[in-house]
N, C-alpha and C. Protein backbone atom coordinates (compact mmCIF):
# COMPACT_ATOMS: atom_id res chain seq x y z
N UNK A 1 -129.61 137.34 -3.47
CA UNK A 1 -130.47 136.23 -3.07
C UNK A 1 -130.78 135.32 -4.27
N UNK A 2 -130.96 135.91 -5.44
CA UNK A 2 -131.21 135.09 -6.64
C UNK A 2 -130.04 134.15 -6.91
N UNK A 3 -128.82 134.65 -6.72
CA UNK A 3 -127.63 133.81 -6.93
C UNK A 3 -127.60 132.67 -5.94
N UNK A 4 -127.91 132.97 -4.67
CA UNK A 4 -127.94 131.93 -3.65
C UNK A 4 -129.01 130.89 -3.98
N UNK A 5 -130.17 131.36 -4.41
CA UNK A 5 -131.27 130.46 -4.75
C UNK A 5 -130.89 129.55 -5.91
N UNK A 6 -130.21 130.11 -6.91
CA UNK A 6 -129.72 129.30 -8.03
C UNK A 6 -128.80 128.19 -7.54
N UNK A 7 -127.89 128.52 -6.61
CA UNK A 7 -126.96 127.53 -6.08
C UNK A 7 -127.71 126.43 -5.33
N UNK A 8 -128.73 126.81 -4.58
CA UNK A 8 -129.54 125.83 -3.85
C UNK A 8 -130.20 124.86 -4.83
N UNK A 9 -130.85 125.41 -5.85
CA UNK A 9 -131.65 124.58 -6.74
C UNK A 9 -130.82 123.75 -7.69
N UNK A 10 -129.67 124.27 -8.12
CA UNK A 10 -128.83 123.56 -9.08
C UNK A 10 -127.91 122.54 -8.42
N UNK A 11 -127.27 122.93 -7.32
CA UNK A 11 -126.16 122.13 -6.80
C UNK A 11 -126.33 121.67 -5.35
N UNK A 12 -126.70 122.57 -4.45
CA UNK A 12 -126.68 122.22 -3.03
C UNK A 12 -127.72 121.16 -2.68
N UNK A 13 -128.94 121.33 -3.17
CA UNK A 13 -130.00 120.36 -2.84
C UNK A 13 -129.68 118.96 -3.32
N UNK A 14 -129.29 118.77 -4.60
CA UNK A 14 -128.94 117.40 -5.01
C UNK A 14 -127.75 116.82 -4.25
N UNK A 15 -126.76 117.67 -3.91
CA UNK A 15 -125.60 117.17 -3.18
C UNK A 15 -126.00 116.70 -1.78
N UNK A 16 -126.78 117.51 -1.08
CA UNK A 16 -127.20 117.16 0.28
C UNK A 16 -128.07 115.91 0.28
N UNK A 17 -129.02 115.84 -0.64
CA UNK A 17 -129.90 114.68 -0.69
C UNK A 17 -129.16 113.43 -1.12
N UNK A 18 -128.17 113.58 -1.99
CA UNK A 18 -127.35 112.42 -2.37
C UNK A 18 -126.58 111.89 -1.16
N UNK A 19 -126.08 112.80 -0.35
CA UNK A 19 -125.34 112.39 0.85
C UNK A 19 -126.22 111.62 1.83
N UNK A 20 -127.46 112.06 1.98
CA UNK A 20 -128.31 111.48 3.01
C UNK A 20 -129.20 110.35 2.52
N UNK A 21 -129.51 110.29 1.22
CA UNK A 21 -130.48 109.30 0.73
C UNK A 21 -129.91 108.24 -0.19
N UNK A 22 -128.77 108.52 -0.83
CA UNK A 22 -128.27 107.57 -1.82
C UNK A 22 -127.88 106.23 -1.20
N UNK A 23 -127.58 106.23 0.10
CA UNK A 23 -127.20 104.99 0.76
C UNK A 23 -128.37 104.31 1.46
N UNK A 24 -129.60 104.76 1.18
CA UNK A 24 -130.77 104.31 1.93
C UNK A 24 -130.89 102.79 2.03
N UNK A 25 -130.75 102.10 0.91
CA UNK A 25 -130.81 100.64 0.91
C UNK A 25 -129.40 100.06 0.87
N UNK A 26 -128.51 100.74 0.16
CA UNK A 26 -127.15 100.22 -0.02
C UNK A 26 -126.43 100.02 1.31
N UNK A 27 -126.62 100.93 2.27
CA UNK A 27 -125.92 100.79 3.54
C UNK A 27 -126.41 99.57 4.32
N UNK A 28 -127.67 99.21 4.14
CA UNK A 28 -128.19 98.01 4.80
C UNK A 28 -127.61 96.76 4.16
N UNK A 29 -127.42 96.79 2.85
CA UNK A 29 -126.84 95.65 2.15
C UNK A 29 -125.38 95.48 2.52
N UNK A 30 -124.62 96.58 2.44
CA UNK A 30 -123.20 96.51 2.74
C UNK A 30 -122.94 96.22 4.22
N UNK A 31 -123.82 96.68 5.07
CA UNK A 31 -123.69 96.39 6.49
C UNK A 31 -124.24 95.04 6.90
N UNK A 32 -124.79 94.31 5.92
CA UNK A 32 -125.34 92.97 6.12
C UNK A 32 -126.49 92.95 7.13
N UNK A 33 -127.19 94.07 7.21
CA UNK A 33 -128.38 94.11 8.08
C UNK A 33 -129.66 93.92 7.28
N UNK A 34 -129.54 93.83 5.96
CA UNK A 34 -130.73 93.72 5.12
C UNK A 34 -131.46 92.39 5.37
N UNK A 35 -130.68 91.33 5.64
CA UNK A 35 -131.30 90.03 5.91
C UNK A 35 -132.12 90.08 7.19
N UNK A 36 -131.57 90.75 8.20
CA UNK A 36 -132.30 90.89 9.47
C UNK A 36 -133.58 91.69 9.26
N UNK A 37 -133.47 92.78 8.51
CA UNK A 37 -134.66 93.62 8.27
C UNK A 37 -135.74 92.85 7.52
N UNK A 38 -135.34 92.08 6.51
CA UNK A 38 -136.32 91.33 5.73
C UNK A 38 -136.94 90.19 6.54
N UNK A 39 -136.23 89.75 7.60
CA UNK A 39 -136.77 88.66 8.42
C UNK A 39 -137.79 89.15 9.44
N UNK A 40 -137.86 90.46 9.64
CA UNK A 40 -138.82 91.01 10.59
C UNK A 40 -140.19 91.13 9.91
N UNK A 41 -141.25 91.22 10.71
CA UNK A 41 -142.60 91.31 10.11
C UNK A 41 -142.93 92.71 9.59
N UNK A 42 -142.12 93.19 8.64
CA UNK A 42 -142.39 94.47 7.99
C UNK A 42 -142.37 94.24 6.48
N UNK A 43 -143.12 95.06 5.79
CA UNK A 43 -143.14 94.96 4.32
C UNK A 43 -141.83 95.52 3.76
N UNK A 44 -141.36 94.95 2.67
CA UNK A 44 -140.10 95.42 2.07
C UNK A 44 -140.18 96.87 1.63
N UNK A 45 -141.35 97.28 1.16
CA UNK A 45 -141.48 98.65 0.67
C UNK A 45 -141.35 99.67 1.80
N UNK A 46 -141.49 99.23 3.05
CA UNK A 46 -141.42 100.16 4.18
C UNK A 46 -140.01 100.73 4.38
N UNK A 47 -138.98 99.97 3.97
CA UNK A 47 -137.60 100.44 4.16
C UNK A 47 -137.30 101.67 3.31
N UNK A 48 -137.41 101.60 1.98
CA UNK A 48 -137.10 102.81 1.19
C UNK A 48 -138.09 103.94 1.45
N UNK A 49 -139.37 103.60 1.63
CA UNK A 49 -140.36 104.65 1.84
C UNK A 49 -140.17 105.34 3.19
N UNK A 50 -139.90 104.56 4.22
CA UNK A 50 -139.67 105.15 5.54
C UNK A 50 -138.45 106.04 5.57
N UNK A 51 -137.36 105.58 4.95
CA UNK A 51 -136.14 106.40 4.91
C UNK A 51 -136.36 107.65 4.06
N UNK A 52 -137.13 107.50 2.99
CA UNK A 52 -137.44 108.67 2.15
C UNK A 52 -138.21 109.72 2.95
N UNK A 53 -139.25 109.31 3.65
CA UNK A 53 -140.07 110.26 4.42
C UNK A 53 -139.25 110.93 5.54
N UNK A 54 -138.40 110.14 6.19
CA UNK A 54 -137.58 110.71 7.27
C UNK A 54 -136.58 111.72 6.71
N UNK A 55 -135.98 111.39 5.58
CA UNK A 55 -135.01 112.31 4.96
C UNK A 55 -135.67 113.60 4.51
N UNK A 56 -136.83 113.47 3.87
CA UNK A 56 -137.55 114.65 3.40
C UNK A 56 -137.95 115.54 4.58
N UNK A 57 -138.44 114.94 5.65
CA UNK A 57 -138.89 115.71 6.79
C UNK A 57 -137.74 116.47 7.45
N UNK A 58 -136.64 115.79 7.69
CA UNK A 58 -135.53 116.41 8.43
C UNK A 58 -134.68 117.29 7.52
N UNK A 59 -134.17 116.70 6.44
CA UNK A 59 -133.29 117.45 5.54
C UNK A 59 -134.04 118.59 4.86
N UNK A 60 -135.29 118.32 4.45
CA UNK A 60 -136.08 119.37 3.82
C UNK A 60 -136.30 120.55 4.74
N UNK A 61 -136.61 120.29 6.00
CA UNK A 61 -136.81 121.37 6.97
C UNK A 61 -135.55 122.20 7.15
N UNK A 62 -134.41 121.51 7.25
CA UNK A 62 -133.14 122.23 7.43
C UNK A 62 -132.79 123.06 6.20
N UNK A 63 -133.04 122.52 5.01
CA UNK A 63 -132.77 123.28 3.79
C UNK A 63 -133.66 124.52 3.71
N UNK A 64 -134.94 124.38 4.04
CA UNK A 64 -135.86 125.52 3.99
C UNK A 64 -135.47 126.59 5.01
N UNK A 65 -135.11 126.16 6.22
CA UNK A 65 -134.69 127.13 7.24
C UNK A 65 -133.40 127.84 6.83
N UNK A 66 -132.47 127.10 6.24
CA UNK A 66 -131.22 127.72 5.82
C UNK A 66 -131.45 128.71 4.69
N UNK A 67 -132.43 128.43 3.80
CA UNK A 67 -132.73 129.37 2.73
C UNK A 67 -133.32 130.67 3.29
N UNK A 68 -134.18 130.54 4.28
CA UNK A 68 -134.74 131.74 4.94
C UNK A 68 -133.62 132.53 5.58
N UNK A 69 -132.68 131.86 6.24
CA UNK A 69 -131.55 132.55 6.87
C UNK A 69 -130.70 133.26 5.82
N UNK A 70 -130.46 132.60 4.69
CA UNK A 70 -129.68 133.23 3.60
C UNK A 70 -130.40 134.45 3.06
N UNK A 71 -131.73 134.36 2.95
CA UNK A 71 -132.53 135.50 2.49
C UNK A 71 -132.36 136.69 3.43
N UNK A 72 -132.46 136.44 4.72
CA UNK A 72 -132.33 137.53 5.69
C UNK A 72 -130.95 138.16 5.64
N UNK A 73 -129.92 137.32 5.55
CA UNK A 73 -128.55 137.84 5.48
C UNK A 73 -128.35 138.65 4.20
N UNK A 74 -128.89 138.17 3.09
CA UNK A 74 -128.73 138.86 1.81
C UNK A 74 -129.50 140.17 1.76
N UNK A 75 -130.66 140.23 2.45
CA UNK A 75 -131.53 141.40 2.34
C UNK A 75 -131.37 142.41 3.47
N UNK A 76 -130.64 142.06 4.53
CA UNK A 76 -130.48 142.99 5.65
C UNK A 76 -129.89 144.33 5.22
N UNK A 77 -128.87 144.34 4.32
CA UNK A 77 -128.35 145.64 3.88
C UNK A 77 -129.41 146.52 3.21
N UNK A 78 -130.50 145.92 2.74
CA UNK A 78 -131.54 146.70 2.08
C UNK A 78 -132.43 147.43 3.08
N UNK A 79 -132.25 147.17 4.37
CA UNK A 79 -133.06 147.85 5.39
C UNK A 79 -134.52 147.45 5.30
N UNK A 80 -135.38 148.44 5.11
CA UNK A 80 -136.81 148.16 5.02
C UNK A 80 -137.16 147.37 3.77
N UNK A 81 -136.24 147.31 2.82
CA UNK A 81 -136.47 146.56 1.58
C UNK A 81 -136.41 145.06 1.79
N UNK A 82 -136.19 144.62 3.03
CA UNK A 82 -136.12 143.20 3.32
C UNK A 82 -137.43 142.50 2.99
N UNK A 83 -138.53 143.26 2.99
CA UNK A 83 -139.83 142.68 2.68
C UNK A 83 -140.17 142.74 1.19
N UNK A 84 -139.33 143.39 0.41
CA UNK A 84 -139.66 143.60 -1.00
C UNK A 84 -139.59 142.32 -1.83
N UNK A 85 -138.78 141.37 -1.39
CA UNK A 85 -138.60 140.13 -2.17
C UNK A 85 -139.27 138.93 -1.52
N UNK A 86 -140.23 139.19 -0.63
CA UNK A 86 -140.92 138.08 0.01
C UNK A 86 -141.65 137.16 -0.98
N UNK A 87 -142.24 137.69 -2.06
CA UNK A 87 -142.84 136.78 -3.05
C UNK A 87 -141.83 135.81 -3.65
N UNK A 88 -140.61 136.30 -3.93
CA UNK A 88 -139.57 135.41 -4.47
C UNK A 88 -139.15 134.40 -3.42
N UNK A 89 -139.07 134.83 -2.16
CA UNK A 89 -138.72 133.89 -1.10
C UNK A 89 -139.77 132.79 -1.00
N UNK A 90 -141.04 133.17 -1.08
CA UNK A 90 -142.12 132.18 -0.98
C UNK A 90 -142.04 131.17 -2.12
N UNK A 91 -141.86 131.67 -3.34
CA UNK A 91 -141.72 130.76 -4.49
C UNK A 91 -140.45 129.92 -4.37
N UNK A 92 -139.40 130.54 -3.83
CA UNK A 92 -138.16 129.80 -3.62
C UNK A 92 -138.33 128.64 -2.64
N UNK A 93 -139.12 128.87 -1.59
CA UNK A 93 -139.38 127.81 -0.62
C UNK A 93 -140.21 126.69 -1.24
N UNK A 94 -141.19 127.06 -2.07
CA UNK A 94 -141.99 126.05 -2.77
C UNK A 94 -141.11 125.23 -3.70
N UNK A 95 -140.26 125.91 -4.46
CA UNK A 95 -139.38 125.24 -5.39
C UNK A 95 -138.38 124.34 -4.67
N UNK A 96 -137.85 124.83 -3.55
CA UNK A 96 -136.89 124.04 -2.78
C UNK A 96 -137.55 122.81 -2.18
N UNK A 97 -138.79 122.96 -1.72
CA UNK A 97 -139.53 121.82 -1.18
C UNK A 97 -139.76 120.77 -2.28
N UNK A 98 -140.15 121.24 -3.47
CA UNK A 98 -140.35 120.31 -4.59
C UNK A 98 -139.03 119.65 -4.98
N UNK A 99 -137.95 120.42 -4.98
CA UNK A 99 -136.63 119.87 -5.28
C UNK A 99 -136.20 118.84 -4.27
N UNK A 100 -136.53 119.07 -3.00
CA UNK A 100 -136.20 118.09 -1.96
C UNK A 100 -136.94 116.78 -2.20
N UNK A 101 -138.22 116.87 -2.54
CA UNK A 101 -139.00 115.66 -2.83
C UNK A 101 -138.41 114.91 -4.02
N UNK A 102 -138.02 115.66 -5.06
CA UNK A 102 -137.49 115.04 -6.27
C UNK A 102 -136.13 114.39 -6.02
N UNK A 103 -135.19 115.15 -5.48
CA UNK A 103 -133.83 114.62 -5.33
C UNK A 103 -133.76 113.52 -4.28
N UNK A 104 -134.62 113.58 -3.26
CA UNK A 104 -134.67 112.48 -2.29
C UNK A 104 -135.20 111.21 -2.94
N UNK A 105 -136.20 111.34 -3.80
CA UNK A 105 -136.73 110.18 -4.52
C UNK A 105 -135.70 109.62 -5.48
N UNK A 106 -135.00 110.50 -6.17
CA UNK A 106 -133.95 110.08 -7.09
C UNK A 106 -132.86 109.32 -6.35
N UNK A 107 -132.42 109.88 -5.22
CA UNK A 107 -131.38 109.23 -4.42
C UNK A 107 -131.85 107.89 -3.88
N UNK A 108 -133.12 107.80 -3.48
CA UNK A 108 -133.65 106.53 -2.98
C UNK A 108 -133.64 105.48 -4.08
N UNK A 109 -134.00 105.88 -5.30
CA UNK A 109 -133.99 104.94 -6.41
C UNK A 109 -132.58 104.44 -6.71
N UNK A 110 -131.60 105.35 -6.70
CA UNK A 110 -130.23 104.93 -6.94
C UNK A 110 -129.73 104.05 -5.81
N UNK A 111 -130.13 104.36 -4.56
CA UNK A 111 -129.73 103.55 -3.43
C UNK A 111 -130.30 102.16 -3.48
N UNK A 112 -131.50 102.02 -4.03
CA UNK A 112 -132.12 100.70 -4.15
C UNK A 112 -131.59 99.94 -5.35
N UNK A 113 -131.25 100.66 -6.42
CA UNK A 113 -130.81 100.02 -7.66
C UNK A 113 -129.35 99.59 -7.62
N UNK A 114 -128.50 100.45 -7.04
CA UNK A 114 -127.05 100.20 -7.04
C UNK A 114 -126.56 100.16 -5.60
N UNK A 115 -125.98 99.05 -5.20
CA UNK A 115 -125.50 98.93 -3.82
C UNK A 115 -124.04 99.32 -3.66
N UNK A 116 -123.35 99.54 -4.77
CA UNK A 116 -121.96 99.99 -4.72
C UNK A 116 -121.86 101.38 -5.34
N UNK A 117 -121.39 102.32 -4.56
CA UNK A 117 -121.18 103.71 -4.99
C UNK A 117 -122.43 104.39 -5.53
N UNK A 118 -123.58 104.27 -4.86
CA UNK A 118 -124.79 104.95 -5.35
C UNK A 118 -124.66 106.46 -5.29
N UNK A 119 -123.90 106.98 -4.32
CA UNK A 119 -123.70 108.43 -4.21
C UNK A 119 -123.02 108.98 -5.45
N UNK A 120 -121.92 108.33 -5.85
CA UNK A 120 -121.17 108.80 -7.03
C UNK A 120 -122.01 108.68 -8.29
N UNK A 121 -122.73 107.57 -8.44
CA UNK A 121 -123.54 107.37 -9.64
C UNK A 121 -124.70 108.36 -9.72
N UNK A 122 -125.28 108.68 -8.57
CA UNK A 122 -126.36 109.67 -8.58
C UNK A 122 -125.82 111.05 -8.98
N UNK A 123 -124.64 111.41 -8.45
CA UNK A 123 -124.07 112.71 -8.81
C UNK A 123 -123.74 112.78 -10.30
N UNK A 124 -123.27 111.68 -10.87
CA UNK A 124 -123.00 111.65 -12.31
C UNK A 124 -124.30 111.88 -13.08
N UNK A 125 -125.38 111.23 -12.64
CA UNK A 125 -126.68 111.41 -13.28
C UNK A 125 -127.13 112.86 -13.18
N UNK A 126 -127.02 113.42 -11.98
CA UNK A 126 -127.46 114.81 -11.76
C UNK A 126 -126.66 115.77 -12.63
N UNK A 127 -125.34 115.59 -12.67
CA UNK A 127 -124.50 116.49 -13.46
C UNK A 127 -124.78 116.33 -14.96
N UNK A 128 -125.06 115.11 -15.40
CA UNK A 128 -125.29 114.87 -16.83
C UNK A 128 -126.69 115.29 -17.26
N UNK A 129 -127.71 114.98 -16.46
CA UNK A 129 -129.09 115.21 -16.86
C UNK A 129 -129.65 116.49 -16.26
N UNK A 130 -129.71 116.56 -14.93
CA UNK A 130 -130.39 117.69 -14.29
C UNK A 130 -129.62 119.00 -14.41
N UNK A 131 -128.30 118.92 -14.41
CA UNK A 131 -127.50 120.14 -14.59
C UNK A 131 -127.09 120.29 -16.04
N UNK A 132 -126.56 119.21 -16.63
CA UNK A 132 -126.06 119.29 -18.00
C UNK A 132 -127.10 119.69 -19.02
N UNK A 133 -128.28 119.06 -18.95
CA UNK A 133 -129.34 119.38 -19.92
C UNK A 133 -129.83 120.82 -19.81
N UNK A 134 -129.65 121.43 -18.64
CA UNK A 134 -130.13 122.81 -18.47
C UNK A 134 -129.34 123.80 -19.30
N UNK A 135 -128.14 123.40 -19.75
CA UNK A 135 -127.31 124.30 -20.55
C UNK A 135 -127.45 124.04 -22.05
N UNK A 136 -128.21 123.00 -22.41
CA UNK A 136 -128.40 122.68 -23.83
C UNK A 136 -129.61 123.44 -24.36
N UNK A 137 -129.45 124.23 -25.40
CA UNK A 137 -130.60 124.98 -25.91
C UNK A 137 -131.63 124.07 -26.56
N UNK A 138 -132.87 124.50 -26.49
CA UNK A 138 -133.93 123.75 -27.15
C UNK A 138 -134.78 122.93 -26.21
N UNK A 139 -135.56 122.02 -26.79
CA UNK A 139 -136.57 121.26 -26.06
C UNK A 139 -135.97 120.30 -25.05
N UNK A 140 -134.69 119.94 -25.21
CA UNK A 140 -134.06 118.99 -24.29
C UNK A 140 -134.01 119.53 -22.86
N UNK A 141 -134.17 120.83 -22.70
CA UNK A 141 -134.17 121.42 -21.37
C UNK A 141 -135.25 120.84 -20.47
N UNK A 142 -136.35 120.38 -21.05
CA UNK A 142 -137.46 119.88 -20.22
C UNK A 142 -137.08 118.62 -19.46
N UNK A 143 -135.98 117.95 -19.85
CA UNK A 143 -135.53 116.77 -19.12
C UNK A 143 -134.81 117.13 -17.84
N UNK A 144 -134.42 118.39 -17.72
CA UNK A 144 -133.69 118.84 -16.54
C UNK A 144 -134.66 119.36 -15.48
N UNK A 145 -134.66 118.71 -14.32
CA UNK A 145 -135.55 119.16 -13.25
C UNK A 145 -135.08 120.47 -12.63
N UNK A 146 -133.78 120.78 -12.74
CA UNK A 146 -133.32 122.07 -12.22
C UNK A 146 -133.89 123.23 -13.04
N UNK A 147 -134.13 123.00 -14.32
CA UNK A 147 -134.78 124.02 -15.14
C UNK A 147 -136.20 124.25 -14.64
N UNK A 148 -136.92 123.17 -14.34
CA UNK A 148 -138.29 123.30 -13.84
C UNK A 148 -138.31 123.96 -12.46
N UNK A 149 -137.34 123.63 -11.62
CA UNK A 149 -137.27 124.25 -10.30
C UNK A 149 -137.03 125.76 -10.42
N UNK A 150 -136.17 126.15 -11.34
CA UNK A 150 -135.92 127.57 -11.55
C UNK A 150 -137.13 128.25 -12.17
N UNK A 151 -137.88 127.51 -13.01
CA UNK A 151 -139.08 128.09 -13.63
C UNK A 151 -140.16 128.37 -12.58
N UNK A 152 -140.23 127.55 -11.55
CA UNK A 152 -141.20 127.76 -10.47
C UNK A 152 -140.97 129.11 -9.81
N UNK A 153 -139.71 129.47 -9.63
CA UNK A 153 -139.35 130.72 -8.96
C UNK A 153 -139.42 131.92 -9.91
N UNK A 154 -139.26 131.64 -11.20
CA UNK A 154 -139.20 132.73 -12.17
C UNK A 154 -137.79 133.08 -12.59
N UNK A 155 -136.82 132.22 -12.23
CA UNK A 155 -135.42 132.46 -12.60
C UNK A 155 -135.07 131.91 -13.97
N UNK A 156 -135.96 131.11 -14.54
CA UNK A 156 -135.72 130.52 -15.85
C UNK A 156 -136.06 131.53 -16.93
N UNK A 157 -135.07 131.81 -17.79
CA UNK A 157 -135.25 132.77 -18.88
C UNK A 157 -135.01 132.06 -20.20
N UNK A 158 -136.06 131.68 -20.91
CA UNK A 158 -135.89 130.96 -22.18
C UNK A 158 -135.19 131.83 -23.22
N UNK A 159 -134.30 131.19 -23.98
CA UNK A 159 -133.54 131.88 -25.01
C UNK A 159 -134.04 131.42 -26.38
N UNK A 160 -134.00 132.34 -27.32
CA UNK A 160 -134.39 132.03 -28.70
C UNK A 160 -133.24 132.34 -29.63
N UNK A 161 -132.90 131.39 -30.48
CA UNK A 161 -131.84 131.61 -31.47
C UNK A 161 -132.36 131.25 -32.84
N UNK A 162 -131.50 131.38 -33.83
CA UNK A 162 -131.89 131.08 -35.21
C UNK A 162 -132.20 129.59 -35.39
N UNK A 163 -131.47 128.74 -34.62
CA UNK A 163 -131.60 127.30 -34.81
C UNK A 163 -132.63 126.66 -33.87
N UNK A 164 -132.80 127.20 -32.68
CA UNK A 164 -133.71 126.57 -31.72
C UNK A 164 -134.22 127.60 -30.73
N UNK A 165 -135.28 127.25 -30.05
CA UNK A 165 -135.80 128.13 -29.01
C UNK A 165 -136.13 127.27 -27.79
N UNK A 166 -135.88 127.83 -26.62
CA UNK A 166 -136.15 127.11 -25.39
C UNK A 166 -137.65 127.05 -25.13
N UNK A 167 -138.12 125.99 -24.47
CA UNK A 167 -139.55 125.89 -24.17
C UNK A 167 -139.98 126.96 -23.16
N UNK A 168 -141.21 127.39 -23.27
CA UNK A 168 -141.78 128.35 -22.33
C UNK A 168 -142.30 127.58 -21.11
N UNK A 169 -141.74 127.87 -19.95
CA UNK A 169 -142.12 127.17 -18.73
C UNK A 169 -142.51 128.17 -17.64
N UNK A 170 -143.44 127.76 -16.79
CA UNK A 170 -143.79 128.57 -15.62
C UNK A 170 -144.17 127.63 -14.49
N UNK A 171 -144.57 128.19 -13.36
CA UNK A 171 -144.83 127.39 -12.16
C UNK A 171 -145.98 126.40 -12.37
N UNK A 172 -147.00 126.80 -13.13
CA UNK A 172 -148.15 125.92 -13.32
C UNK A 172 -147.81 124.68 -14.15
N UNK A 173 -146.77 124.79 -14.98
CA UNK A 173 -146.31 123.64 -15.76
C UNK A 173 -145.26 122.86 -14.99
N UNK A 174 -144.28 123.58 -14.45
CA UNK A 174 -143.09 122.93 -13.90
C UNK A 174 -143.33 122.25 -12.56
N UNK A 175 -144.16 122.83 -11.70
CA UNK A 175 -144.37 122.22 -10.39
C UNK A 175 -144.99 120.82 -10.51
N UNK A 176 -146.07 120.64 -11.30
CA UNK A 176 -146.59 119.27 -11.48
C UNK A 176 -145.58 118.32 -12.11
N UNK A 177 -144.76 118.83 -13.05
CA UNK A 177 -143.76 117.97 -13.69
C UNK A 177 -142.78 117.44 -12.66
N UNK A 178 -142.26 118.32 -11.81
CA UNK A 178 -141.29 117.90 -10.79
C UNK A 178 -141.92 116.89 -9.83
N UNK A 179 -143.14 117.15 -9.39
CA UNK A 179 -143.79 116.25 -8.44
C UNK A 179 -144.09 114.89 -9.06
N UNK A 180 -144.51 114.88 -10.33
CA UNK A 180 -144.81 113.61 -11.00
C UNK A 180 -143.53 112.79 -11.20
N UNK A 181 -142.45 113.45 -11.63
CA UNK A 181 -141.19 112.74 -11.83
C UNK A 181 -140.66 112.22 -10.49
N UNK A 182 -140.82 113.02 -9.43
CA UNK A 182 -140.40 112.56 -8.09
C UNK A 182 -141.18 111.31 -7.70
N UNK A 183 -142.48 111.30 -7.97
CA UNK A 183 -143.30 110.13 -7.65
C UNK A 183 -142.86 108.91 -8.44
N UNK A 184 -142.49 109.11 -9.71
CA UNK A 184 -142.02 107.99 -10.53
C UNK A 184 -140.75 107.39 -9.95
N UNK A 185 -139.80 108.24 -9.56
CA UNK A 185 -138.55 107.75 -8.97
C UNK A 185 -138.81 107.03 -7.65
N UNK A 186 -139.72 107.56 -6.84
CA UNK A 186 -140.02 106.94 -5.56
C UNK A 186 -140.67 105.57 -5.75
N UNK A 187 -141.62 105.47 -6.67
CA UNK A 187 -142.25 104.19 -6.97
C UNK A 187 -141.20 103.20 -7.48
N UNK A 188 -140.29 103.69 -8.32
CA UNK A 188 -139.22 102.83 -8.84
C UNK A 188 -138.34 102.31 -7.70
N UNK A 189 -138.02 103.18 -6.74
CA UNK A 189 -137.22 102.77 -5.58
C UNK A 189 -137.92 101.69 -4.78
N UNK A 190 -139.22 101.87 -4.55
CA UNK A 190 -139.99 100.88 -3.78
C UNK A 190 -140.07 99.56 -4.52
N UNK A 191 -140.33 99.60 -5.83
CA UNK A 191 -140.45 98.37 -6.63
C UNK A 191 -139.12 97.63 -6.66
N UNK A 192 -138.02 98.35 -6.85
CA UNK A 192 -136.71 97.70 -6.89
C UNK A 192 -136.38 97.06 -5.55
N UNK A 193 -136.59 97.81 -4.45
CA UNK A 193 -136.28 97.29 -3.12
C UNK A 193 -137.15 96.09 -2.78
N UNK A 194 -138.37 96.09 -3.26
CA UNK A 194 -139.30 95.00 -2.95
C UNK A 194 -138.96 93.72 -3.69
N UNK A 195 -138.43 93.84 -4.90
CA UNK A 195 -138.25 92.67 -5.77
C UNK A 195 -136.80 92.21 -5.94
N UNK A 196 -135.87 92.95 -5.36
CA UNK A 196 -134.46 92.61 -5.57
C UNK A 196 -133.96 91.64 -4.50
N UNK A 197 -133.03 90.79 -4.91
CA UNK A 197 -132.32 89.92 -3.97
C UNK A 197 -130.92 90.50 -3.80
N UNK A 198 -130.71 91.16 -2.68
CA UNK A 198 -129.46 91.87 -2.47
C UNK A 198 -128.39 90.94 -1.91
N UNK A 199 -127.16 91.17 -2.36
CA UNK A 199 -126.01 90.43 -1.83
C UNK A 199 -124.90 91.42 -1.51
N UNK A 200 -124.26 91.23 -0.38
CA UNK A 200 -123.16 92.10 0.01
C UNK A 200 -121.94 91.78 -0.83
N UNK A 201 -121.16 92.84 -1.14
CA UNK A 201 -119.93 92.64 -1.90
C UNK A 201 -118.75 92.39 -0.98
N UNK A 202 -118.97 92.42 0.34
CA UNK A 202 -117.86 92.19 1.27
C UNK A 202 -117.45 90.72 1.28
């Protein structure tokens, strides 16, 4: 189950959220429906925020349910021991929920900022920063949200070497960090969508 949880937090969640959220504004621009939307009596910030909330509600619920299903499948061979890892499952659900909020906000920001290939650009960012930084020893790890997500669950194991030592992280530090960074990305998405003049490349 720990291996499955690592896959969820490192790779599956950003991939799924990139698929569903990275096109949030870009698809309206490329489909030339953005002009129609802006002509209606709705605030511009309602588009990225509404799509963000819908994605978090639906995709987040499906991710959480699938994690519970994976837990049951992984722990069934343990028989009565299926209840032994419930604390880890609970922390895993909290971490996955926080990860959903973060990666959906990140995808929304990329969708608002870049109207061409936002999915690919977001994945490059995730691989370089959120995944890549997690393998670099030292203080740079704090830039990786996947490190914080793993710290919430207790899967993060700081290493100490002669040249550098990893920061000490736990749920009380990492959960607020992830939520604050998610809020920053979401605000950025709303500000960009509100102030940008989009043009279709077609």
